[in-house]
Amino acid sequence: MKSLQLLPAKPASDEVFLRRVFLDTLGILPNADEARAFLDSTAPDKRDKLIDALLERDEYASFGP
């Protein structure tokens, strides 16, 4: 990116990240409880944990590669 003189995009908000990661991995949106749990979490690694959890779900095996 540097050689092309492109600036990286700002990190996505938690709300946008949550929506994108669910759609990209499972093809569905999170339910209200899943969204609330993620958005209320103060864990510094909550995004990493969510990704790992989504990759373990049966829906990923059906939707993923």
PDB file of N, CA and C in Angstrom:
ATOM      1  N   MET A   1       0.831  -1.177   0.000  1.00  0.00           N
ATOM      2  CA  MET A   1       0.000   0.000   0.000  1.00  0.00           C
ATOM      3  C   MET A   1       0.881   1.248   0.000  1.00  0.00           C
ATOM      4  N   LYS A   2       1.984   1.156   0.729  1.00  0.00           N
ATOM      5  CA  LYS A   2       2.863   2.308   0.825  1.00  0.00           C
ATOM      6  C   LYS A   2       3.448   2.663  -0.539  1.00  0.00           C
ATOM      7  N   SER A   3       3.851   1.654  -1.302  1.00  0.00           N
ATOM      8  CA  SER A   3       4.439   1.921  -2.615  1.00  0.00           C
ATOM      9  C   SER A   3       3.411   2.516  -3.580  1.00  0.00           C
ATOM     10  N   LEU A   4       2.146   2.218  -3.355  1.00  0.00           N
ATOM     11  CA  LEU A   4       1.075   2.771  -4.185  1.00  0.00           C
ATOM     12  C   LEU A   4       0.530   4.072  -3.622  1.00  0.00           C
ATOM     13  N   GLN A   5       1.102   4.508  -2.518  1.00  0.00           N
ATOM     14  CA  GLN A   5       0.700   5.733  -1.836  1.00  0.00           C
ATOM     15  C   GLN A   5      -0.779   5.708  -1.443  1.00  0.00           C
ATOM     16  N   LEU A   6      -1.182   4.535  -0.945  1.00  0.00           N
ATOM     17  CA  LEU A   6      -2.555   4.371  -0.468  1.00  0.00           C
ATOM     18  C   LEU A   6      -2.560   4.377   1.052  1.00  0.00           C
ATOM     19  N   LEU A   7      -3.514   5.055   1.610  1.00  0.00           N
ATOM     20  CA  LEU A   7      -3.656   5.083   3.059  1.00  0.00           C
ATOM     21  C   LEU A   7      -4.608   3.977   3.482  1.00  0.00           C
ATOM     22  N   PRO A   8      -4.266   3.254   4.559  1.00  0.00           N
ATOM     23  CA  PRO A   8      -5.191   2.208   5.017  1.00  0.00           C
ATOM     24  C   PRO A   8      -6.473   2.825   5.554  1.00  0.00           C
ATOM     25  N   ALA A   9      -7.544   2.077   5.428  1.00  0.00           N
ATOM     26  CA  ALA A   9      -8.828   2.534   5.961  1.00  0.00           C
ATOM     27  C   ALA A   9      -8.776   2.519   7.482  1.00  0.00           C
ATOM     28  N   LYS A  10      -9.583   3.362   8.096  1.00  0.00           N
ATOM     29  CA  LYS A  10      -9.697   3.368   9.548  1.00  0.00           C
ATOM     30  C   LYS A  10     -10.309   2.046   9.987  1.00  0.00           C
ATOM     31  N   PRO A  11      -9.963   1.567  11.189  1.00  0.00           N
ATOM     32  CA  PRO A  11     -10.606   0.350  11.681  1.00  0.00           C
ATOM     33  C   PRO A  11     -12.122   0.540  11.778  1.00  0.00           C
ATOM     34  N   ALA A  12     -12.842  -0.515  11.486  1.00  0.00           N
ATOM     35  CA  ALA A  12     -14.305  -0.466  11.550  1.00  0.00           C
ATOM     36  C   ALA A  12     -14.765  -0.379  13.003  1.00  0.00           C
ATOM     37  N   SER A  13     -15.895   0.246  13.214  1.00  0.00           N
ATOM     38  CA  SER A  13     -16.496   0.277  14.549  1.00  0.00           C
ATOM     39  C   SER A  13     -16.886  -1.149  14.930  1.00  0.00           C
ATOM     40  N   ASP A  14     -17.127  -1.386  16.211  1.00  0.00           N
ATOM     41  CA  ASP A  14     -17.545  -2.720  16.644  1.00  0.00           C
ATOM     42  C   ASP A  14     -18.843  -3.143  15.967  1.00  0.00           C
ATOM     43  N   GLU A  15     -19.757  -2.224  15.792  1.00  0.00           N
ATOM     44  CA  GLU A  15     -21.036  -2.548  15.156  1.00  0.00           C
ATOM     45  C   GLU A  15     -20.838  -3.002  13.708  1.00  0.00           C
ATOM     46  N   VAL A  16     -20.024  -2.283  12.979  1.00  0.00           N
ATOM     47  CA  VAL A  16     -19.763  -2.622  11.576  1.00  0.00           C
ATOM     48  C   VAL A  16     -18.973  -3.930  11.493  1.00  0.00           C
ATOM     49  N   PHE A  17     -17.967  -4.075  12.352  1.00  0.00           N
ATOM     50  CA  PHE A  17     -17.175  -5.309  12.378  1.00  0.00           C
ATOM     51  C   PHE A  17     -18.064  -6.517  12.630  1.00  0.00           C
ATOM     52  N   LEU A  18     -18.935  -6.412  13.621  1.00  0.00           N
ATOM     53  CA  LEU A  18     -19.821  -7.518  13.984  1.00  0.00           C
ATOM     54  C   LEU A  18     -20.675  -7.941  12.795  1.00  0.00           C
ATOM     55  N   ARG A  19     -21.276  -6.994  12.146  1.00  0.00           N
ATOM     56  CA  ARG A  19     -22.128  -7.293  10.983  1.00  0.00           C
ATOM     57  C   ARG A  19     -21.315  -7.942   9.871  1.00  0.00           C
ATOM     58  N   ARG A  20     -20.164  -7.366   9.565  1.00  0.00           N
ATOM     59  CA  ARG A  20     -19.346  -7.883   8.467  1.00  0.00           C
ATOM     60  C   ARG A  20     -18.812  -9.288   8.740  1.00  0.00           C
ATOM     61  N   VAL A  21     -18.341  -9.524   9.957  1.00  0.00           N
ATOM     62  CA  VAL A  21     -17.742 -10.829  10.249  1.00  0.00           C
ATOM     63  C   VAL A  21     -18.800 -11.923  10.231  1.00  0.00           C
ATOM     64  N   PHE A  22     -19.994 -11.640  10.695  1.00  0.00           N
ATOM     65  CA  PHE A  22     -21.064 -12.631  10.615  1.00  0.00           C
ATOM     66  C   PHE A  22     -21.440 -12.910   9.168  1.00  0.00           C
ATOM     67  N   LEU A  23     -21.631 -11.864   8.393  1.00  0.00           N
ATOM     68  CA  LEU A  23     -22.012 -12.067   6.994  1.00  0.00           C
ATOM     69  C   LEU A  23     -20.909 -12.758   6.201  1.00  0.00           C
ATOM     70  N   ASP A  24     -19.671 -12.400   6.445  1.00  0.00           N
ATOM     71  CA  ASP A  24     -18.559 -12.985   5.694  1.00  0.00           C
ATOM     72  C   ASP A  24     -18.292 -14.441   6.061  1.00  0.00           C
ATOM     73  N   THR A  25     -18.504 -14.819   7.311  1.00  0.00           N
ATOM     74  CA  THR A  25     -18.203 -16.190   7.709  1.00  0.00           C
ATOM     75  C   THR A  25     -19.401 -17.125   7.646  1.00  0.00           C
ATOM     76  N   LEU A  26     -20.593 -16.625   7.985  1.00  0.00           N
ATOM     77  CA  LEU A  26     -21.761 -17.493   8.071  1.00  0.00           C
ATOM     78  C   LEU A  26     -22.874 -17.149   7.091  1.00  0.00           C
ATOM     79  N   GLY A  27     -22.820 -15.957   6.535  1.00  0.00           N
ATOM     80  CA  GLY A  27     -23.867 -15.538   5.611  1.00  0.00           C
ATOM     81  C   GLY A  27     -25.147 -15.124   6.308  1.00  0.00           C
ATOM     82  N   ILE A  28     -25.068 -14.878   7.612  1.00  0.00           N
ATOM     83  CA  ILE A  28     -26.232 -14.447   8.392  1.00  0.00           C
ATOM     84  C   ILE A  28     -25.827 -13.289   9.294  1.00  0.00           C
ATOM     85  N   LEU A  29     -26.837 -12.609   9.838  1.00  0.00           N
ATOM     86  CA  LEU A  29     -26.581 -11.560  10.817  1.00  0.00           C
ATOM     87  C   LEU A  29     -26.625 -12.156  12.215  1.00  0.00           C
ATOM     88  N   PRO A  30     -25.948 -11.550  13.171  1.00  0.00           N
ATOM     89  CA  PRO A  30     -26.016 -12.060  14.541  1.00  0.00           C
ATOM     90  C   PRO A  30     -27.408 -11.834  15.119  1.00  0.00           C
ATOM     91  N   ASN A  31     -27.803 -12.716  16.037  1.00  0.00           N
ATOM     92  CA  ASN A  31     -29.073 -12.471  16.706  1.00  0.00           C
ATOM     93  C   ASN A  31     -28.843 -11.415  17.792  1.00  0.00           C
ATOM     94  N   ALA A  32     -29.908 -10.984  18.424  1.00  0.00           N
ATOM     95  CA  ALA A  32     -29.811  -9.890  19.394  1.00  0.00           C
ATOM     96  C   ALA A  32     -28.895 -10.242  20.563  1.00  0.00           C
ATOM     97  N   ASP A  33     -28.966 -11.467  21.051  1.00  0.00           N
ATOM     98  CA  ASP A  33     -28.119 -11.865  22.177  1.00  0.00           C
ATOM     99  C   ASP A  33     -26.645 -11.883  21.790  1.00  0.00           C
ATOM    100  N   GLU A  34     -26.348 -12.386  20.605  1.00  0.00           N
ATOM    101  CA  GLU A  34     -24.955 -12.417  20.137  1.00  0.00           C
ATOM    102  C   GLU A  34     -24.415 -10.999  19.964  1.00  0.00           C
ATOM    103  N   ALA A  35     -25.222 -10.142  19.384  1.00  0.00           N
ATOM    104  CA  ALA A  35     -24.793  -8.754  19.178  1.00  0.00           C
ATOM    105  C   ALA A  35     -24.579  -8.055  20.516  1.00  0.00           C
ATOM    106  N   ARG A  36     -25.500  -8.211  21.420  1.00  0.00           N
ATOM    107  CA  ARG A  36     -25.395  -7.560  22.727  1.00  0.00           C
ATOM    108  C   ARG A  36     -24.159  -8.038  23.479  1.00  0.00           C
ATOM    109  N   ALA A  37     -23.915  -9.339  23.468  1.00  0.00           N
ATOM    110  CA  ALA A  37     -22.760  -9.900  24.176  1.00  0.00           C
ATOM    111  C   ALA A  37     -21.453  -9.334  23.618  1.00  0.00           C
ATOM    112  N   PHE A  38     -21.350  -9.254  22.302  1.00  0.00           N
ATOM    113  CA  PHE A  38     -20.132  -8.719  21.695  1.00  0.00           C
ATOM    114  C   PHE A  38     -19.980  -7.228  21.979  1.00  0.00           C
ATOM    115  N   LEU A  39     -21.032  -6.479  21.771  1.00  0.00           N
ATOM    116  CA  LEU A  39     -20.942  -5.028  21.930  1.00  0.00           C
ATOM    117  C   LEU A  39     -20.738  -4.607  23.381  1.00  0.00           C
ATOM    118  N   ASP A  40     -21.241  -5.393  24.321  1.00  0.00           N
ATOM    119  CA  ASP A  40     -21.074  -5.070  25.738  1.00  0.00           C
ATOM    120  C   ASP A  40     -19.722  -5.510  26.296  1.00  0.00           C
ATOM    121  N   SER A  41     -19.043  -6.381  25.576  1.00  0.00           N
ATOM    122  CA  SER A  41     -17.764  -6.899  26.059  1.00  0.00           C
ATOM    123  C   SER A  41     -16.696  -5.808  26.066  1.00  0.00           C
ATOM    124  N   THR A  42     -15.853  -5.835  27.088  1.00  0.00           N
ATOM    125  CA  THR A  42     -14.727  -4.902  27.164  1.00  0.00           C
ATOM    126  C   THR A  42     -13.395  -5.627  26.976  1.00  0.00           C
ATOM    127  N   ALA A  43     -13.451  -6.907  26.617  1.00  0.00           N
ATOM    128  CA  ALA A  43     -12.229  -7.695  26.413  1.00  0.00           C
ATOM    129  C   ALA A  43     -11.430  -7.109  25.251  1.00  0.00           C
ATOM    130  N   PRO A  44     -10.136  -6.926  25.434  1.00  0.00           N
ATOM    131  CA  PRO A  44      -9.330  -6.345  24.361  1.00  0.00           C
ATOM    132  C   PRO A  44      -9.216  -7.252  23.136  1.00  0.00           C
ATOM    133  N   ASP A  45      -9.431  -8.548  23.314  1.00  0.00           N
ATOM    134  CA  ASP A  45      -9.317  -9.493  22.199  1.00  0.00           C
ATOM    135  C   ASP A  45     -10.672 -10.034  21.746  1.00  0.00           C
ATOM    136  N   LYS A  46     -11.723  -9.261  21.985  1.00  0.00           N
ATOM    137  CA  LYS A  46     -13.073  -9.757  21.675  1.00  0.00           C
ATOM    138  C   LYS A  46     -13.269 -10.033  20.186  1.00  0.00           C
ATOM    139  N   ARG A  47     -12.603  -9.305  19.332  1.00  0.00           N
ATOM    140  CA  ARG A  47     -12.740  -9.567  17.889  1.00  0.00           C
ATOM    141  C   ARG A  47     -12.092 -10.897  17.522  1.00  0.00           C
ATOM    142  N   ASP A  48     -10.915 -11.151  18.046  1.00  0.00           N
ATOM    143  CA  ASP A  48     -10.242 -12.429  17.789  1.00  0.00           C
ATOM    144  C   ASP A  48     -11.078 -13.595  18.305  1.00  0.00           C
ATOM    145  N   LYS A  49     -11.625 -13.447  19.506  1.00  0.00           N
ATOM    146  CA  LYS A  49     -12.445 -14.503  20.094  1.00  0.00           C
ATOM    147  C   LYS A  49     -13.699 -14.759  19.263  1.00  0.00           C
ATOM    148  N   LEU A  50     -14.319 -13.695  18.776  1.00  0.00           N
ATOM    149  CA  LEU A  50     -15.522 -13.851  17.956  1.00  0.00           C
ATOM    150  C   LEU A  50     -15.194 -14.579  16.660  1.00  0.00           C
ATOM    151  N   ILE A  51     -14.115 -14.202  16.015  1.00  0.00           N
ATOM    152  CA  ILE A  51     -13.717 -14.873  14.770  1.00  0.00           C
ATOM    153  C   ILE A  51     -13.501 -16.357  15.024  1.00  0.00           C
ATOM    154  N   ASP A  52     -12.756 -16.695  16.071  1.00  0.00           N
ATOM    155  CA  ASP A  52     -12.513 -18.097  16.392  1.00  0.00           C
ATOM    156  C   ASP A  52     -13.820 -18.846  16.644  1.00  0.00           C
ATOM    157  N   ALA A  53     -14.735 -18.223  17.374  1.00  0.00           N
ATOM    158  CA  ALA A  53     -16.017 -18.865  17.673  1.00  0.00           C
ATOM    159  C   ALA A  53     -16.846 -19.080  16.410  1.00  0.00           C
ATOM    160  N   LEU A  54     -16.850 -18.118  15.523  1.00  0.00           N
ATOM    161  CA  LEU A  54     -17.627 -18.253  14.290  1.00  0.00           C
ATOM    162  C   LEU A  54     -17.060 -19.345  13.392  1.00  0.00           C
ATOM    163  N   LEU A  55     -15.745 -19.469  13.353  1.00  0.00           N
ATOM    164  CA  LEU A  55     -15.126 -20.507  12.518  1.00  0.00           C
ATOM    165  C   LEU A  55     -15.380 -21.905  13.051  1.00  0.00           C
ATOM    166  N   GLU A  56     -15.756 -22.021  14.307  1.00  0.00           N
ATOM    167  CA  GLU A  56     -16.071 -23.318  14.910  1.00  0.00           C
ATOM    168  C   GLU A  56     -17.530 -23.722  14.724  1.00  0.00           C
ATOM    169  N   ARG A  57     -18.366 -22.813  14.298  1.00  0.00           N
ATOM    170  CA  ARG A  57     -19.799 -23.104  14.182  1.00  0.00           C
ATOM    171  C   ARG A  57     -20.100 -23.972  12.963  1.00  0.00           C
ATOM    172  N   ASP A  58     -21.139 -24.787  13.098  1.00  0.00           N
ATOM    173  CA  ASP A  58     -21.551 -25.668  11.993  1.00  0.00           C
ATOM    174  C   ASP A  58     -21.920 -24.874  10.748  1.00  0.00           C
ATOM    175  N   GLU A  59     -22.501 -23.689  10.954  1.00  0.00           N
ATOM    176  CA  GLU A  59     -22.902 -22.868   9.810  1.00  0.00           C
ATOM    177  C   GLU A  59     -21.701 -22.496   8.943  1.00  0.00           C
ATOM    178  N   TYR A  60     -20.523 -22.338   9.546  1.00  0.00           N
ATOM    179  CA  TYR A  60     -19.338 -21.994   8.761  1.00  0.00           C
ATOM    180  C   TYR A  60     -18.974 -23.141   7.814  1.00  0.00           C
ATOM    181  N   ALA A  61     -19.081 -24.347   8.301  1.00  0.00           N
ATOM    182  CA  ALA A  61     -18.756 -25.503   7.460  1.00  0.00           C
ATOM    183  C   ALA A  61     -19.696 -25.578   6.254  1.00  0.00           C
ATOM    184  N   SER A  62     -20.934 -25.139   6.445  1.00  0.00           N
ATOM    185  CA  SER A  62     -21.899 -25.159   5.349  1.00  0.00           C
ATOM    186  C   SER A  62     -21.719 -23.998   4.395  1.00  0.00           C
ATOM    187  N   PHE A  63     -21.334 -22.840   4.932  1.00  0.00           N
ATOM    188  CA  PHE A  63     -21.243 -21.622   4.119  1.00  0.00           C
ATOM    189  C   PHE A  63     -19.828 -21.379   3.620  1.00  0.00           C
ATOM    190  N   GLY A  64     -18.836 -21.764   4.403  1.00  0.00           N
ATOM    191  CA  GLY A  64     -17.431 -21.464   4.104  1.00  0.00           C
ATOM    192  C   GLY A  64     -16.868 -22.290   2.959  1.00  0.00           C
ATOM    193  N   PRO A  65     -15.566 -22.163   2.763  1.00  0.00           N
ATOM    194  CA  PRO A  65     -14.895 -22.850   1.642  1.00  0.00           C
ATOM    195  C   PRO A  65     -14.926 -24.345   1.747  1.00  0.00           C
TER     196      PRO A  65
END
